[in-house]
Amino acid sequence: MLAGKLFKINSDQSLAFIAEKLSSFKITREDEETHVQLNFEFSVNSYDDNSLDGIIYYDRVIKVGTKDGFKPEVSTMKVQFFIRKIQGYNFLFILAKKPLANYLANEFSKAVFIRPGFVVEARIDPNIFLDYYNKSLEETRVAYFDQIDIPNVNVLALYGDALSQTDLFKMYQEHGLLWYIVVRAKSISQIIGLTRNCVITMFSKGTVEDIVKYAFDEVAPLVIESLQKNKQEKENNTA
């Protein structure tokens, strides 16, 4: 199973600028408990005007069992990341589960732009997300709803085929917003889980190339459509 999260970079800086900043970034910190030195750095594998691929290397302390008990050892982890410029927007995809991806996204922002806040969640408008779901009806396996207005109910879930045809689906729509779906992605023909804040999970035996393609070819356009819709609504409200 592969997992990752798509982010939006709130800057129109060139990818050459970002590559230079990442390549020169390396920090060392001391672990509070063991006092060992831990490194954190970025490696840029390739880039051009519209794409950048690289790896994040970060050390963590693991405890190794010995006959005398546990002793700390430093393990270097690596996480792949990808940037694409699409319709003038810079998107960052980090190939890691949500908690780690969020942490690394903030570190990315600090490495390139000095402080967090330049790398933000990529979010899909609820209506656009529902429309995407409706276009994938035949391949939908799971649907979760959040922001439920029923007291003491946080999430509603449906599993099965032809979910949109059920009375339960219609009822759930009246009480919450579609938050998470599992579908067969059209662009890569793989079973994918997707949330409105662009957490992506590939359940079938796809490749890294598959999940990256899905993130940028299928999910990023939904985010762009959401951004444009939000911009239009703000313009209409101020007109």
Protein backbone atom coordinates (compact mmCIF):
# COMPACT_ATOMS: atom_id res chain seq x y z
CA MET A 1 0.00 0.00 0.00
CA LEU A 2 1.30 3.45 -0.97
CA ALA A 3 0.18 6.68 0.67
CA GLY A 4 0.89 10.36 0.18
CA LYS A 5 -0.54 13.83 0.51
CA LEU A 6 -0.82 16.65 -1.99
CA PHE A 7 -0.03 20.21 -0.88
CA LYS A 8 -0.16 23.62 -2.53
CA ILE A 9 2.91 25.89 -2.45
CA ASN A 10 1.79 29.47 -1.87
CA SER A 11 4.55 30.99 -3.96
CA ASP A 12 5.24 31.50 -7.62
CA GLN A 13 9.00 31.13 -7.17
CA SER A 14 10.69 29.18 -9.94
CA LEU A 15 11.56 25.55 -9.40
CA ALA A 16 15.20 26.50 -9.97
CA PHE A 17 14.96 28.78 -6.91
CA ILE A 18 13.32 26.00 -4.87
CA ALA A 19 15.94 23.48 -6.01
CA GLU A 20 18.76 25.80 -4.95
CA LYS A 21 17.24 26.38 -1.51
CA LEU A 22 16.61 22.68 -0.90
CA SER A 23 20.06 21.59 -2.07
CA SER A 24 21.78 23.96 0.35
CA PHE A 25 19.62 23.03 3.34
CA LYS A 26 20.94 20.72 6.04
CA ILE A 27 20.40 20.92 9.78
CA THR A 28 21.66 18.89 12.71
CA ARG A 29 19.86 18.74 16.00
CA GLU A 30 20.39 16.87 19.24
CA ASP A 31 17.88 14.30 20.40
CA GLU A 32 16.59 15.44 23.80
CA GLU A 33 16.54 11.97 25.35
CA THR A 34 19.68 10.34 23.99
CA HIS A 35 21.70 13.45 23.00
CA VAL A 36 22.74 11.85 19.71
CA GLN A 37 23.08 14.08 16.63
CA LEU A 38 20.32 13.83 14.04
CA ASN A 39 20.56 15.18 10.49
CA PHE A 40 17.81 16.48 8.21
CA GLU A 41 18.40 17.37 4.56
CA PHE A 42 16.95 17.43 1.06
CA SER A 43 18.37 15.92 -2.10
CA VAL A 44 17.18 17.19 -5.49
CA ASN A 45 17.35 14.43 -8.09
CA SER A 46 16.17 16.42 -11.10
CA TYR A 47 14.25 19.54 -12.04
CA ASP A 48 13.18 21.70 -14.94
CA ASP A 49 10.77 24.61 -15.37
CA ASN A 50 7.70 22.54 -14.50
CA SER A 51 8.82 19.61 -12.34
CA LEU A 52 11.16 18.76 -9.49
CA ASP A 53 11.80 15.36 -7.89
CA GLY A 54 13.80 14.71 -4.77
CA ILE A 55 14.28 12.84 -1.50
CA ILE A 56 14.08 13.98 2.11
CA TYR A 57 16.61 12.31 4.42
CA TYR A 58 16.00 12.53 8.13
CA ASP A 59 17.50 10.70 11.10
CA ARG A 60 15.52 9.25 13.94
CA VAL A 61 16.48 7.34 17.07
CA ILE A 62 15.47 3.70 17.35
CA LYS A 63 16.09 1.47 20.35
CA VAL A 64 17.90 -1.77 19.54
CA GLY A 65 17.64 -4.71 21.90
CA THR A 66 20.93 -6.18 23.21
CA LYS A 67 21.80 -8.62 25.99
CA ASP A 68 22.39 -5.60 28.22
CA GLY A 69 19.03 -4.03 27.41
CA PHE A 70 18.14 -1.43 24.79
CA LYS A 71 20.58 0.99 23.26
CA PRO A 72 19.84 3.92 20.93
CA GLU A 73 20.82 3.75 17.28
CA VAL A 74 20.39 6.33 14.53
CA SER A 75 18.31 5.23 11.55
CA THR A 76 18.21 7.38 8.42
CA MET A 77 14.78 7.46 6.77
CA LYS A 78 14.10 8.68 3.25
CA VAL A 79 10.89 10.04 1.79
CA GLN A 80 10.32 10.90 -1.86
CA PHE A 81 8.74 14.20 -2.84
CA PHE A 82 7.59 15.66 -6.14
CA ILE A 83 6.72 19.17 -7.32
CA ARG A 84 4.74 20.05 -10.42
CA LYS A 85 3.75 23.43 -11.83
CA ILE A 86 0.21 23.07 -13.17
CA GLN A 87 -1.75 25.99 -14.66
CA GLY A 88 0.49 28.42 -12.80
CA TYR A 89 0.16 26.70 -9.41
CA ASN A 90 2.98 24.85 -7.67
CA PHE A 91 1.94 21.55 -6.08
CA LEU A 92 4.00 19.41 -3.71
CA PHE A 93 3.29 15.69 -3.28
CA ILE A 94 4.98 13.93 -0.35
CA LEU A 95 5.00 10.14 -0.45
CA ALA A 96 4.24 9.48 3.22
CA LYS A 97 1.25 8.94 5.47
CA LYS A 98 -0.63 12.04 6.64
CA PRO A 99 1.11 12.82 9.99
CA LEU A 100 4.62 12.50 8.54
CA ALA A 101 3.65 14.28 5.32
CA ASN A 102 2.29 17.22 7.32
CA TYR A 103 5.49 17.45 9.37
CA LEU A 104 7.71 17.28 6.29
CA ALA A 105 5.59 19.86 4.47
CA ASN A 106 6.27 22.35 7.28
CA GLU A 107 9.98 21.53 7.18
CA PHE A 108 9.94 22.04 3.42
CA SER A 109 8.36 25.47 3.89
CA LYS A 110 11.00 26.46 6.45
CA ALA A 111 13.83 25.20 4.25
CA VAL A 112 12.73 27.17 1.20
CA PHE A 113 10.84 30.16 2.62
CA ILE A 114 12.35 30.45 6.15
CA ARG A 115 9.05 29.89 7.93
CA PRO A 116 6.01 27.57 7.81
CA GLY A 117 2.82 28.69 6.07
CA PHE A 118 4.01 28.72 2.48
CA VAL A 119 3.13 25.04 2.03
CA VAL A 120 -0.56 24.57 2.78
CA GLU A 121 -3.17 21.87 2.44
CA ALA A 122 -4.59 21.37 -1.03
CA ARG A 123 -8.33 21.26 -0.53
CA ILE A 124 -11.19 20.19 -2.76
CA ASP A 125 -14.50 22.04 -2.59
CA PRO A 126 -17.26 19.72 -1.24
CA ASN A 127 -19.45 20.17 -4.33
CA ILE A 128 -16.54 19.55 -6.69
CA PHE A 129 -15.60 16.47 -4.64
CA LEU A 130 -19.19 15.20 -4.89
CA ASP A 131 -19.17 15.81 -8.65
CA TYR A 132 -15.92 13.83 -8.94
CA TYR A 133 -17.57 11.04 -6.98
CA ASN A 134 -20.65 11.11 -9.22
CA LYS A 135 -18.42 10.70 -12.29
CA SER A 136 -16.92 7.57 -10.69
CA LEU A 137 -20.17 5.92 -9.61
CA GLU A 138 -19.54 2.53 -11.15
CA GLU A 139 -16.16 2.23 -9.47
CA THR A 140 -16.94 3.59 -5.99
CA ARG A 141 -16.43 1.19 -3.09
CA VAL A 142 -16.53 3.37 0.05
CA ALA A 143 -17.97 6.76 1.01
CA TYR A 144 -17.47 8.66 4.28
CA PHE A 145 -19.30 11.82 5.34
CA ASP A 146 -18.10 14.38 7.89
CA GLN A 147 -19.49 17.62 9.43
CA ILE A 148 -22.54 15.65 10.51
CA ASP A 149 -25.39 17.68 12.02
CA ILE A 150 -26.79 14.72 13.98
CA PRO A 151 -25.85 15.05 17.69
CA ASN A 152 -23.07 12.71 18.87
CA VAL A 153 -22.41 11.45 15.33
CA ASN A 154 -19.04 12.44 13.88
CA VAL A 155 -18.77 10.28 10.76
CA LEU A 156 -21.18 8.33 8.56
CA ALA A 157 -19.87 5.56 6.31
CA LEU A 158 -21.18 3.44 3.45
CA TYR A 159 -19.59 0.38 1.88
CA GLY A 160 -20.66 -1.49 -1.25
CA ASP A 161 -21.53 -1.10 -4.92
CA ALA A 162 -23.76 1.60 -6.47
CA LEU A 163 -23.67 3.63 -3.27
CA SER A 164 -25.24 6.70 -4.82
CA GLN A 165 -28.37 4.72 -5.66
CA THR A 166 -29.14 3.92 -2.03
CA ASP A 167 -31.59 5.86 0.13
CA LEU A 168 -28.93 5.95 2.84
CA PHE A 169 -26.53 7.85 0.57
CA LYS A 170 -29.18 10.47 -0.14
CA MET A 171 -29.99 10.74 3.55
CA TYR A 172 -26.33 11.07 4.53
CA GLN A 173 -25.94 13.85 1.97
CA GLU A 174 -28.62 15.80 3.82
CA HIS A 175 -26.74 15.51 7.12
CA GLY A 176 -23.09 15.89 6.15
CA LEU A 177 -20.46 16.44 3.49
CA LEU A 178 -18.72 13.76 1.46
CA TRP A 179 -15.22 13.52 2.95
CA TYR A 180 -13.55 10.30 1.80
CA ILE A 181 -14.10 7.94 -1.10
CA VAL A 182 -12.50 4.78 -2.42
CA VAL A 183 -12.69 4.50 -6.21
CA ARG A 184 -10.89 3.00 -9.17
CA ALA A 185 -8.93 5.93 -10.58
CA LYS A 186 -9.53 6.52 -14.26
CA SER A 187 -6.03 7.79 -15.02
CA ILE A 188 -4.18 4.74 -13.64
CA SER A 189 -6.86 2.03 -13.19
CA GLN A 190 -5.90 1.48 -9.54
CA ILE A 191 -8.01 1.38 -6.38
CA ILE A 192 -7.48 4.72 -4.64
CA GLY A 193 -8.70 6.35 -1.43
CA LEU A 194 -9.04 10.14 -1.54
CA THR A 195 -10.04 12.75 1.04
CA ARG A 196 -11.11 16.34 0.45
CA ASN A 197 -7.76 17.54 1.85
CA CYS A 198 -5.94 15.37 -0.69
CA VAL A 199 -4.68 12.45 1.36
CA ILE A 200 -4.19 9.69 -1.20
CA THR A 201 -3.94 5.97 -0.48
CA MET A 202 -3.33 3.34 -3.13
CA PHE A 203 -4.74 -0.02 -2.09
CA SER A 204 -3.91 -2.07 -5.16
CA LYS A 205 -0.44 -3.06 -6.29
CA GLY A 206 0.44 0.11 -8.11
CA THR A 207 3.79 1.84 -8.41
CA VAL A 208 5.16 5.14 -7.15
CA GLU A 209 4.76 6.45 -10.68
CA ASP A 210 1.06 5.50 -10.55
CA ILE A 211 0.25 7.39 -7.35
CA VAL A 212 2.28 10.43 -8.46
CA LYS A 213 0.47 10.49 -11.80
CA TYR A 214 -2.89 10.27 -10.04
CA ALA A 215 -1.98 13.09 -7.63
CA PHE A 216 -1.02 15.51 -10.37
CA ASP A 217 -3.23 14.41 -13.26
CA GLU A 218 -6.49 13.72 -11.43
CA VAL A 219 -6.41 15.38 -7.98
CA ALA A 220 -4.55 18.64 -8.67
CA PRO A 221 -7.12 19.73 -11.31
CA LEU A 222 -9.88 19.31 -8.69
CA VAL A 223 -7.94 21.62 -6.35
CA ILE A 224 -7.43 24.17 -9.12
CA GLU A 225 -11.13 24.08 -9.97
CA SER A 226 -11.88 24.63 -6.26
CA LEU A 227 -9.48 27.58 -6.06
CA GLN A 228 -11.00 29.18 -9.13
CA LYS A 229 -14.52 28.65 -7.79
CA ASN A 230 -13.58 30.22 -4.45
CA LYS A 231 -11.99 33.18 -6.24
CA GLN A 232 -15.08 33.71 -8.38
CA GLU A 233 -17.38 33.55 -5.35
CA LYS A 234 -15.29 36.19 -3.55
CA GLU A 235 -15.37 38.46 -6.61
CA ASN A 236 -19.14 38.06 -6.83
CA ASN A 237 -19.56 38.90 -3.14
CA THR A 238 -17.52 42.09 -3.46
CA ALA A 239 -19.13 43.22 -6.71
